[in-house]
Amino acid sequence: SIKILVVALVLTFAQCGYDQNLAQTFSRLSYASHCAKLNVENWNCTICKTYPYIQHPTYFTTDPTTTDFAGFIGIDSRLDAIVLVFRGTRNRDQWGKDFKTLKVKYSLCDNCYVHQGFYEAYLEVRPTVLELVKKYHEVYQKSSIQYLINVNSVTGHSLGAALATHAVADLTKEGYSIGEFYSLGSPRVGGAE
């Protein structure tokens, strides 16, 4: 029975391969999430110009005068995917969430606990994210979140990676199929007890 388990694990990891080009793409998109709203929505910031495949981007944020958790969603014409990208830590209020390290019960699984600050941050941006994902799926007719950047795809760096991790679990629970998820420089989001 041990041999069967080893084969199953090898097959599982073979399906979850690392793609250097995709990682570089998601790294660029994560970097672009730090650009100003107007630059993201016009896709004309310096980093945006190095990856011209994003169409119809929509910038989202929570209250910009306080926490300002943000990112964007758009269509990646090269990947033929809806991409969802979360911005990393940017201001003092976000650092406050980063350092809110108490473990809290996680509603998506039994005996799971998550970092309180990251979870609270995701819950702040969640209604907007769910609304945008639904809208993009309806308008652009994508059957799965292929890369939680082909929400079909999802990515983020640092705090953005923690938010992306929560988004992947949440969107999966909501019935979306995630194709690719790249977490760049992610802190630990949670675990068992």
C-alpha atoms as a PDB file:
ATOM      1  CA  SER A   1       0.000   0.000   0.000  1.00  0.00           C
ATOM      2  CA  ILE A   2       2.940   2.341   0.513  1.00  0.00           C
ATOM      3  CA  LYS A   3       3.953   1.953  -3.145  1.00  0.00           C
ATOM      4  CA  ILE A   4       0.465   2.947  -4.259  1.00  0.00           C
ATOM      5  CA  LEU A   5       0.595   6.037  -2.052  1.00  0.00           C
ATOM      6  CA  VAL A   6       3.978   7.038  -3.490  1.00  0.00           C
ATOM      7  CA  VAL A   7       2.676   6.651  -7.062  1.00  0.00           C
ATOM      8  CA  ALA A   8      -0.411   8.710  -6.191  1.00  0.00           C
ATOM      9  CA  LEU A   9       1.750  11.464  -4.705  1.00  0.00           C
ATOM     10  CA  VAL A  10       4.072  11.495  -7.733  1.00  0.00           C
ATOM     11  CA  LEU A  11       1.093  11.757 -10.100  1.00  0.00           C
ATOM     12  CA  THR A  12      -0.417  14.544  -8.001  1.00  0.00           C
ATOM     13  CA  PHE A  13       2.799  16.585  -8.022  1.00  0.00           C
ATOM     14  CA  ALA A  14       3.303  15.965 -11.748  1.00  0.00           C
ATOM     15  CA  GLN A  15      -0.039  17.669 -12.391  1.00  0.00           C
ATOM     16  CA  CYS A  16       0.910  20.671 -10.262  1.00  0.00           C
ATOM     17  CA  GLY A  17       4.051  21.683 -12.116  1.00  0.00           C
ATOM     18  CA  TYR A  18       5.873  24.943 -11.794  1.00  0.00           C
ATOM     19  CA  ASP A  19       6.022  27.028 -14.956  1.00  0.00           C
ATOM     20  CA  GLN A  20       8.804  29.640 -14.916  1.00  0.00           C
ATOM     21  CA  ASN A  21       7.197  31.726 -17.674  1.00  0.00           C
ATOM     22  CA  LEU A  22       3.845  31.746 -15.904  1.00  0.00           C
ATOM     23  CA  ALA A  23       5.539  32.690 -12.626  1.00  0.00           C
ATOM     24  CA  GLN A  24       7.244  35.627 -14.363  1.00  0.00           C
ATOM     25  CA  THR A  25       3.931  36.704 -15.875  1.00  0.00           C
ATOM     26  CA  PHE A  26       2.220  36.606 -12.499  1.00  0.00           C
ATOM     27  CA  SER A  27       5.145  38.464 -10.949  1.00  0.00           C
ATOM     28  CA  ARG A  28       4.670  41.279 -13.490  1.00  0.00           C
ATOM     29  CA  LEU A  29       0.950  41.368 -12.851  1.00  0.00           C
ATOM     30  CA  SER A  30       1.533  41.502  -9.084  1.00  0.00           C
ATOM     31  CA  TYR A  31       3.949  44.393  -9.630  1.00  0.00           C
ATOM     32  CA  ALA A  32       1.366  46.170 -11.811  1.00  0.00           C
ATOM     33  CA  SER A  33      -1.157  45.962  -8.962  1.00  0.00           C
ATOM     34  CA  HIS A  34       0.907  48.654  -7.195  1.00  0.00           C
ATOM     35  CA  CYS A  35       0.304  51.156 -10.016  1.00  0.00           C
ATOM     36  CA  ALA A  36      -2.293  53.914  -9.698  1.00  0.00           C
ATOM     37  CA  LYS A  37      -5.918  53.015 -10.462  1.00  0.00           C
ATOM     38  CA  LEU A  38      -6.071  55.052 -13.680  1.00  0.00           C
ATOM     39  CA  ASN A  39      -2.822  53.524 -14.948  1.00  0.00           C
ATOM     40  CA  VAL A  40      -4.078  49.989 -14.262  1.00  0.00           C
ATOM     41  CA  GLU A  41      -7.456  50.623 -15.875  1.00  0.00           C
ATOM     42  CA  ASN A  42      -5.774  52.145 -18.963  1.00  0.00           C
ATOM     43  CA  TRP A  43      -3.035  49.504 -18.759  1.00  0.00           C
ATOM     44  CA  ASN A  44      -0.334  52.095 -19.381  1.00  0.00           C
ATOM     45  CA  CYS A  45       1.984  52.075 -16.357  1.00  0.00           C
ATOM     46  CA  THR A  46       5.647  51.203 -16.955  1.00  0.00           C
ATOM     47  CA  ILE A  47       5.306  47.529 -15.948  1.00  0.00           C
ATOM     48  CA  CYS A  48       1.965  47.243 -17.793  1.00  0.00           C
ATOM     49  CA  LYS A  49       3.698  48.148 -21.038  1.00  0.00           C
ATOM     50  CA  THR A  50       6.018  45.137 -20.620  1.00  0.00           C
ATOM     51  CA  TYR A  51       2.992  42.799 -20.651  1.00  0.00           C
ATOM     52  CA  PRO A  52       0.471  44.169 -23.188  1.00  0.00           C
ATOM     53  CA  TYR A  53      -1.958  41.227 -22.995  1.00  0.00           C
ATOM     54  CA  ILE A  54      -4.336  42.529 -20.311  1.00  0.00           C
ATOM     55  CA  GLN A  55      -7.688  43.742 -21.630  1.00  0.00           C
ATOM     56  CA  HIS A  56     -10.639  45.313 -19.791  1.00  0.00           C
ATOM     57  CA  PRO A  57      -8.879  45.657 -16.423  1.00  0.00           C
ATOM     58  CA  THR A  58     -10.933  46.796 -13.437  1.00  0.00           C
ATOM     59  CA  TYR A  59      -9.110  48.124 -10.373  1.00  0.00           C
ATOM     60  CA  PHE A  60     -10.732  47.395  -7.012  1.00  0.00           C
ATOM     61  CA  THR A  61     -10.046  48.673  -3.518  1.00  0.00           C
ATOM     62  CA  THR A  62     -11.499  48.927  -0.051  1.00  0.00           C
ATOM     63  CA  ASP A  63     -11.637  52.368   1.566  1.00  0.00           C
ATOM     64  CA  PRO A  64      -8.549  54.161   0.177  1.00  0.00           C
ATOM     65  CA  THR A  65      -8.407  56.478   3.212  1.00  0.00           C
ATOM     66  CA  THR A  66      -7.788  53.561   5.594  1.00  0.00           C
ATOM     67  CA  THR A  67      -6.872  49.973   4.762  1.00  0.00           C
ATOM     68  CA  ASP A  68      -6.920  50.318   0.949  1.00  0.00           C
ATOM     69  CA  PHE A  69      -6.651  46.599   0.131  1.00  0.00           C
ATOM     70  CA  ALA A  70      -6.560  46.526  -3.643  1.00  0.00           C
ATOM     71  CA  GLY A  71      -5.895  44.677  -6.845  1.00  0.00           C
ATOM     72  CA  PHE A  72      -7.381  44.219 -10.285  1.00  0.00           C
ATOM     73  CA  ILE A  73      -9.225  41.768 -12.465  1.00  0.00           C
ATOM     74  CA  GLY A  74      -8.935  41.571 -16.230  1.00  0.00           C
ATOM     75  CA  ILE A  75      -8.755  39.387 -19.299  1.00  0.00           C
ATOM     76  CA  ASP A  76      -5.353  38.016 -20.270  1.00  0.00           C
ATOM     77  CA  SER A  77      -5.578  37.528 -24.048  1.00  0.00           C
ATOM     78  CA  ARG A  78      -2.356  35.498 -24.161  1.00  0.00           C
ATOM     79  CA  LEU A  79      -3.545  33.047 -21.502  1.00  0.00           C
ATOM     80  CA  ASP A  80      -7.181  33.292 -22.626  1.00  0.00           C
ATOM     81  CA  ALA A  81      -8.056  33.716 -18.982  1.00  0.00           C
ATOM     82  CA  ILE A  82      -9.661  35.941 -16.412  1.00  0.00           C
ATOM     83  CA  VAL A  83      -6.907  37.043 -14.041  1.00  0.00           C
ATOM     84  CA  LEU A  84      -7.377  38.175 -10.452  1.00  0.00           C
ATOM     85  CA  VAL A  85      -4.448  39.958  -8.837  1.00  0.00           C
ATOM     86  CA  PHE A  86      -4.068  41.255  -5.270  1.00  0.00           C
ATOM     87  CA  ARG A  87      -1.689  44.064  -4.274  1.00  0.00           C
ATOM     88  CA  GLY A  88       0.776  43.589  -1.424  1.00  0.00           C
ATOM     89  CA  THR A  89       1.295  45.706   1.687  1.00  0.00           C
ATOM     90  CA  ARG A  90       1.418  49.407   0.926  1.00  0.00           C
ATOM     91  CA  ASN A  91       0.609  51.497   4.018  1.00  0.00           C
ATOM     92  CA  ARG A  92       0.689  51.650   7.817  1.00  0.00           C
ATOM     93  CA  ASP A  93      -2.910  50.415   8.218  1.00  0.00           C
ATOM     94  CA  GLN A  94      -2.077  47.338   6.147  1.00  0.00           C
ATOM     95  CA  TRP A  95       0.995  46.689   8.285  1.00  0.00           C
ATOM     96  CA  GLY A  96      -1.417  46.678  11.232  1.00  0.00           C
ATOM     97  CA  LYS A  97      -3.273  43.766   9.618  1.00  0.00           C
ATOM     98  CA  ASP A  98       0.044  42.057   8.796  1.00  0.00           C
ATOM     99  CA  PHE A  99       0.963  42.103  12.491  1.00  0.00           C
ATOM    100  CA  LYS A 100      -2.464  41.000  13.765  1.00  0.00           C
ATOM    101  CA  THR A 101      -1.164  37.454  14.174  1.00  0.00           C
ATOM    102  CA  LEU A 102      -3.708  35.795  16.462  1.00  0.00           C
ATOM    103  CA  LYS A 103      -5.130  32.535  15.108  1.00  0.00           C
ATOM    104  CA  VAL A 104      -8.871  32.536  14.469  1.00  0.00           C
ATOM    105  CA  LYS A 105     -11.218  29.694  13.495  1.00  0.00           C
ATOM    106  CA  TYR A 106     -11.604  29.367   9.735  1.00  0.00           C
ATOM    107  CA  SER A 107     -15.128  28.719   8.500  1.00  0.00           C
ATOM    108  CA  LEU A 108     -14.176  26.764   5.366  1.00  0.00           C
ATOM    109  CA  CYS A 109     -12.817  23.692   7.150  1.00  0.00           C
ATOM    110  CA  ASP A 110     -12.985  21.893  10.478  1.00  0.00           C
ATOM    111  CA  ASN A 111     -10.070  22.321  12.885  1.00  0.00           C
ATOM    112  CA  CYS A 112      -8.471  25.008  10.722  1.00  0.00           C
ATOM    113  CA  TYR A 113      -7.167  28.318  11.955  1.00  0.00           C
ATOM    114  CA  VAL A 114      -5.947  31.343  10.042  1.00  0.00           C
ATOM    115  CA  HIS A 115      -3.967  34.515  10.648  1.00  0.00           C
ATOM    116  CA  GLN A 116      -6.541  37.006  11.943  1.00  0.00           C
ATOM    117  CA  GLY A 117      -5.222  40.056  10.100  1.00  0.00           C
ATOM    118  CA  PHE A 118      -5.013  38.427   6.662  1.00  0.00           C
ATOM    119  CA  TYR A 119      -8.473  36.918   7.068  1.00  0.00           C
ATOM    120  CA  GLU A 120     -10.005  40.234   8.154  1.00  0.00           C
ATOM    121  CA  ALA A 121      -8.323  41.920   5.181  1.00  0.00           C
ATOM    122  CA  TYR A 122      -9.782  39.350   2.773  1.00  0.00           C
ATOM    123  CA  LEU A 123     -13.239  39.708   4.319  1.00  0.00           C
ATOM    124  CA  GLU A 124     -13.044  43.475   3.647  1.00  0.00           C
ATOM    125  CA  VAL A 125     -12.358  42.989  -0.069  1.00  0.00           C
ATOM    126  CA  ARG A 126     -14.414  39.782  -0.506  1.00  0.00           C
ATOM    127  CA  PRO A 127     -17.785  41.313  -1.565  1.00  0.00           C
ATOM    128  CA  THR A 128     -16.119  43.309  -4.335  1.00  0.00           C
ATOM    129  CA  VAL A 129     -14.031  40.344  -5.488  1.00  0.00           C
ATOM    130  CA  LEU A 130     -17.040  37.994  -5.655  1.00  0.00           C
ATOM    131  CA  GLU A 131     -19.083  40.590  -7.538  1.00  0.00           C
ATOM    132  CA  LEU A 132     -16.308  41.215 -10.085  1.00  0.00           C
ATOM    133  CA  VAL A 133     -15.545  37.519 -10.624  1.00  0.00           C
ATOM    134  CA  LYS A 134     -19.239  36.844 -11.243  1.00  0.00           C
ATOM    135  CA  LYS A 135     -19.479  39.808 -13.639  1.00  0.00           C
ATOM    136  CA  TYR A 136     -16.377  38.799 -15.600  1.00  0.00           C
ATOM    137  CA  HIS A 137     -17.568  35.208 -15.887  1.00  0.00           C
ATOM    138  CA  GLU A 138     -20.954  36.355 -17.169  1.00  0.00           C
ATOM    139  CA  VAL A 139     -19.570  38.939 -19.584  1.00  0.00           C
ATOM    140  CA  TYR A 140     -16.538  37.032 -20.842  1.00  0.00           C
ATOM    141  CA  GLN A 141     -18.072  33.524 -20.643  1.00  0.00           C
ATOM    142  CA  LYS A 142     -15.173  31.749 -18.966  1.00  0.00           C
ATOM    143  CA  SER A 143     -16.282  28.405 -17.580  1.00  0.00           C
ATOM    144  CA  SER A 144     -13.609  28.141 -14.901  1.00  0.00           C
ATOM    145  CA  ILE A 145     -11.170  30.246 -12.981  1.00  0.00           C
ATOM    146  CA  GLN A 146      -8.354  28.612 -14.905  1.00  0.00           C
ATOM    147  CA  TYR A 147      -5.496  30.593 -13.471  1.00  0.00           C
ATOM    148  CA  LEU A 148      -6.802  32.412 -10.198  1.00  0.00           C
ATOM    149  CA  ILE A 149      -5.244  34.636 -12.668  1.00  0.00           C
ATOM    150  CA  ASN A 150      -7.685  32.451 -15.444  1.00  0.00           C
ATOM    151  CA  VAL A 151     -10.186  33.047 -12.492  1.00  0.00           C
ATOM    152  CA  ASN A 152      -9.154  31.307 -14.245  1.00  0.00           C
ATOM    153  CA  SER A 153      -5.927  32.631 -12.545  1.00  0.00           C
ATOM    154  CA  VAL A 154      -5.110  34.199  -9.144  1.00  0.00           C
ATOM    155  CA  THR A 155      -1.917  35.744  -7.834  1.00  0.00           C
ATOM    156  CA  GLY A 156      -0.488  38.257  -5.386  1.00  0.00           C
ATOM    157  CA  HIS A 157       2.706  39.189  -3.569  1.00  0.00           C
ATOM    158  CA  SER A 158       3.207  39.373   0.212  1.00  0.00           C
ATOM    159  CA  LEU A 159      -0.094  40.538   1.754  1.00  0.00           C
ATOM    160  CA  GLY A 160      -1.554  40.159  -1.757  1.00  0.00           C
ATOM    161  CA  ALA A 161      -0.481  36.502  -1.763  1.00  0.00           C
ATOM    162  CA  ALA A 162      -2.268  35.960   1.559  1.00  0.00           C
ATOM    163  CA  LEU A 163      -5.419  37.573   0.124  1.00  0.00           C
ATOM    164  CA  ALA A 164      -5.087  35.465  -3.038  1.00  0.00           C
ATOM    165  CA  THR A 165      -4.810  32.315  -0.899  1.00  0.00           C
ATOM    166  CA  HIS A 166      -8.075  33.158   0.852  1.00  0.00           C
ATOM    167  CA  ALA A 167      -9.668  34.026  -2.497  1.00  0.00           C
ATOM    168  CA  VAL A 168      -8.730  30.657  -4.010  1.00  0.00           C
ATOM    169  CA  ALA A 169     -10.356  28.776  -1.118  1.00  0.00           C
ATOM    170  CA  ASP A 170     -13.406  31.034  -1.133  1.00  0.00           C
ATOM    171  CA  LEU A 171     -13.915  30.996  -4.906  1.00  0.00           C
ATOM    172  CA  THR A 172     -13.549  27.220  -4.948  1.00  0.00           C
ATOM    173  CA  LYS A 173     -16.220  27.008  -2.229  1.00  0.00           C
ATOM    174  CA  GLU A 174     -18.410  29.286  -4.373  1.00  0.00           C
ATOM    175  CA  GLY A 175     -18.162  26.788  -7.229  1.00  0.00           C
ATOM    176  CA  TYR A 176     -15.422  28.308  -9.382  1.00  0.00           C
ATOM    177  CA  SER A 177     -12.676  26.103 -10.746  1.00  0.00           C
ATOM    178  CA  ILE A 178      -9.215  27.639 -10.381  1.00  0.00           C
ATOM    179  CA  GLY A 179      -6.713  26.763 -13.094  1.00  0.00           C
ATOM    180  CA  GLU A 180      -3.518  28.386 -11.826  1.00  0.00           C
ATOM    181  CA  PHE A 181      -2.563  29.973  -8.526  1.00  0.00           C
ATOM    182  CA  TYR A 182       0.845  31.541  -7.933  1.00  0.00           C
ATOM    183  CA  SER A 183       1.563  32.928  -4.494  1.00  0.00           C
ATOM    184  CA  LEU A 184       4.614  35.194  -4.575  1.00  0.00           C
ATOM    185  CA  GLY A 185       6.372  35.780  -1.246  1.00  0.00           C
ATOM    186  CA  SER A 186       3.373  34.621   0.755  1.00  0.00           C
ATOM    187  CA  PRO A 187       3.394  34.651   4.531  1.00  0.00           C
ATOM    188  CA  ARG A 188       1.828  31.684   6.305  1.00  0.00           C
ATOM    189  CA  VAL A 189      -1.919  32.174   6.126  1.00  0.00           C
ATOM    190  CA  GLY A 190      -3.078  29.364   8.408  1.00  0.00           C
ATOM    191  CA  GLY A 191      -3.046  25.692   9.242  1.00  0.00           C
ATOM    192  CA  ALA A 192      -4.420  23.005  11.486  1.00  0.00           C
ATOM    193  CA  GLU A 193      -4.841  24.106  15.078  1.00  0.00           C
END
